[in-house]
Amino acid sequence: MSSKNQARTDSPAVSAASTESARATDASWLRTELSRAELNLESLGASRYPASNPSVVSAAGYVDRLRQKLAESQSQEGSAALVIARDNLQVAERREAELKKAFDATRIRGDRAEHQAGRVLAAGR
């Protein structure tokens, strides 16, 4: 790797961008950041800035983006949980079928053994 490429990948801007991107998918971080951003927006409104003020518009946009990312994150988490639940259900259904088959086989062997025992007793009389 050339030193030029090395400098580009080790730069604080690249590192901060990748950290921000990773955080943007972390629901816990998103909830915390959303709370912070909402407080900031509230404080801007409380200081009587008009809604058209660039700071208020920017803060409101940031809150909206965080809400959207949080909703997407929760949707993805819900989808992942659904996939896991479906997989667990399939495993449980296969296990149930295996146990039922084993139980039925044991019951059949027991019935045969009982039948054989009855024959032996009847023959001994």
Protein backbone atom coordinates (compact mmCIF):
# COMPACT_ATOMS: atom_id res chain seq x y z
CA MET A 1 0.00 0.00 0.00
CA SER A 2 1.42 3.38 -0.89
CA SER A 3 1.99 6.01 1.77
CA LYS A 4 -0.58 8.21 0.02
CA ASN A 5 -3.26 5.49 0.37
CA GLN A 6 -2.15 4.79 3.93
CA ALA A 7 -2.56 8.44 4.87
CA ARG A 8 -6.01 8.53 3.28
CA THR A 9 -7.32 5.50 5.21
CA ASP A 10 -5.76 6.58 8.50
CA SER A 11 -7.08 10.12 8.36
CA PRO A 12 -9.34 11.27 11.19
CA ALA A 13 -12.10 12.16 8.71
CA VAL A 14 -12.22 8.59 7.34
CA SER A 15 -12.07 7.15 10.83
CA ALA A 16 -14.81 9.48 12.09
CA ALA A 17 -17.00 8.70 9.08
CA SER A 18 -16.68 4.95 9.58
CA THR A 19 -17.36 5.32 13.32
CA GLU A 20 -20.39 7.50 12.60
CA SER A 21 -21.64 4.96 10.08
CA ALA A 22 -21.25 2.11 12.57
CA ARG A 23 -23.00 4.12 15.28
CA ALA A 24 -25.84 5.02 12.93
CA THR A 25 -26.88 1.35 12.87
CA ASP A 26 -26.61 0.87 16.65
CA ALA A 27 -30.12 1.30 18.08
CA SER A 28 -28.86 2.17 21.54
CA TRP A 29 -26.62 4.94 20.22
CA LEU A 30 -29.42 6.17 17.96
CA ARG A 31 -31.87 6.42 20.88
CA THR A 32 -29.33 8.34 22.98
CA GLU A 33 -28.40 10.65 20.12
CA LEU A 34 -32.06 11.22 19.28
CA SER A 35 -32.77 12.25 22.87
CA ARG A 36 -29.81 14.62 22.79
CA ALA A 37 -30.87 16.08 19.44
CA GLU A 38 -34.48 16.52 20.59
CA LEU A 39 -33.29 18.39 23.69
CA ASN A 40 -31.14 20.59 21.48
CA LEU A 41 -34.09 21.30 19.18
CA GLU A 42 -36.30 22.04 22.16
CA SER A 43 -33.75 24.45 23.60
CA LEU A 44 -33.52 26.26 20.26
CA GLY A 45 -37.30 26.61 20.16
CA ALA A 46 -37.42 27.66 23.79
CA SER A 47 -35.02 30.51 23.09
CA ARG A 48 -37.65 31.86 20.71
CA TYR A 49 -35.88 31.29 17.41
CA PRO A 50 -38.37 31.17 14.58
CA ALA A 51 -38.91 27.80 12.91
CA SER A 52 -37.29 29.19 9.76
CA ASN A 53 -34.01 29.92 11.57
CA PRO A 54 -31.19 27.90 9.93
CA SER A 55 -30.13 26.42 13.29
CA VAL A 56 -33.68 25.27 14.03
CA VAL A 57 -34.14 23.90 10.50
CA SER A 58 -30.83 22.01 10.74
CA ALA A 59 -31.62 20.62 14.19
CA ALA A 60 -35.11 19.56 13.08
CA GLY A 61 -33.67 17.84 10.01
CA TYR A 62 -31.14 16.00 12.17
CA VAL A 63 -33.90 14.83 14.52
CA ASP A 64 -35.93 13.61 11.53
CA ARG A 65 -32.94 11.71 10.10
CA LEU A 66 -32.24 10.09 13.47
CA ARG A 67 -35.87 9.05 13.83
CA GLN A 68 -35.80 7.52 10.37
CA LYS A 69 -32.53 5.66 11.06
CA LEU A 70 -33.89 4.40 14.39
CA ALA A 71 -37.07 3.18 12.72
CA GLU A 72 -35.01 1.40 10.04
CA SER A 73 -32.76 -0.12 12.70
CA GLN A 74 -35.73 -1.37 14.70
CA SER A 75 -37.31 -2.76 11.55
CA GLN A 76 -34.12 -4.63 10.71
CA GLU A 77 -33.87 -5.93 14.27
CA GLY A 78 -37.49 -7.06 14.08
CA SER A 79 -36.86 -8.78 10.76
CA ALA A 80 -33.79 -10.52 12.16
CA ALA A 81 -35.75 -11.64 15.23
CA LEU A 82 -38.50 -12.98 12.97
CA VAL A 83 -35.99 -14.98 10.92
CA ILE A 84 -34.49 -16.42 14.12
CA ALA A 85 -37.94 -17.29 15.46
CA ARG A 86 -38.85 -19.04 12.20
CA ASP A 87 -35.59 -21.00 12.27
CA ASN A 88 -36.21 -21.99 15.89
CA LEU A 89 -39.74 -23.09 15.00
CA GLN A 90 -38.44 -25.26 12.15
CA VAL A 91 -35.85 -26.86 14.44
CA ALA A 92 -38.53 -27.50 17.09
CA GLU A 93 -40.90 -28.99 14.51
CA ARG A 94 -38.15 -31.33 13.21
CA ARG A 95 -37.29 -32.34 16.77
CA GLU A 96 -40.96 -32.95 17.54
CA ALA A 97 -41.26 -35.18 14.47
CA GLU A 98 -38.13 -37.12 15.50
CA LEU A 99 -39.43 -37.60 19.04
CA LYS A 100 -42.85 -38.67 17.78
CA LYS A 101 -41.23 -41.19 15.46
CA ALA A 102 -39.06 -42.54 18.28
CA PHE A 103 -42.06 -42.68 20.63
CA ASP A 104 -44.17 -44.51 18.06
CA ALA A 105 -41.34 -46.98 17.43
CA THR A 106 -40.98 -47.61 21.16
CA ARG A 107 -44.73 -48.06 21.55
CA ILE A 108 -44.81 -50.56 18.66
CA ARG A 109 -41.92 -52.53 20.20
CA GLY A 110 -43.73 -52.48 23.54
CA ASP A 111 -46.95 -53.72 21.95
CA ARG A 112 -45.06 -56.55 20.23
CA ALA A 113 -43.32 -57.50 23.47
CA GLU A 114 -46.63 -57.47 25.34
CA HIS A 115 -48.20 -59.59 22.62
CA GLN A 116 -45.30 -62.06 22.80
CA ALA A 117 -45.58 -62.23 26.59
CA GLY A 118 -49.29 -62.96 26.26
CA ARG A 119 -48.53 -65.84 23.88
CA VAL A 120 -45.95 -67.29 26.26
CA LEU A 121 -48.39 -67.11 29.17
CA ALA A 122 -51.18 -68.64 27.09
CA ALA A 123 -48.91 -71.43 25.92
CA GLY A 124 -47.84 -72.16 29.50
CA ARG A 125 -51.38 -72.83 30.70
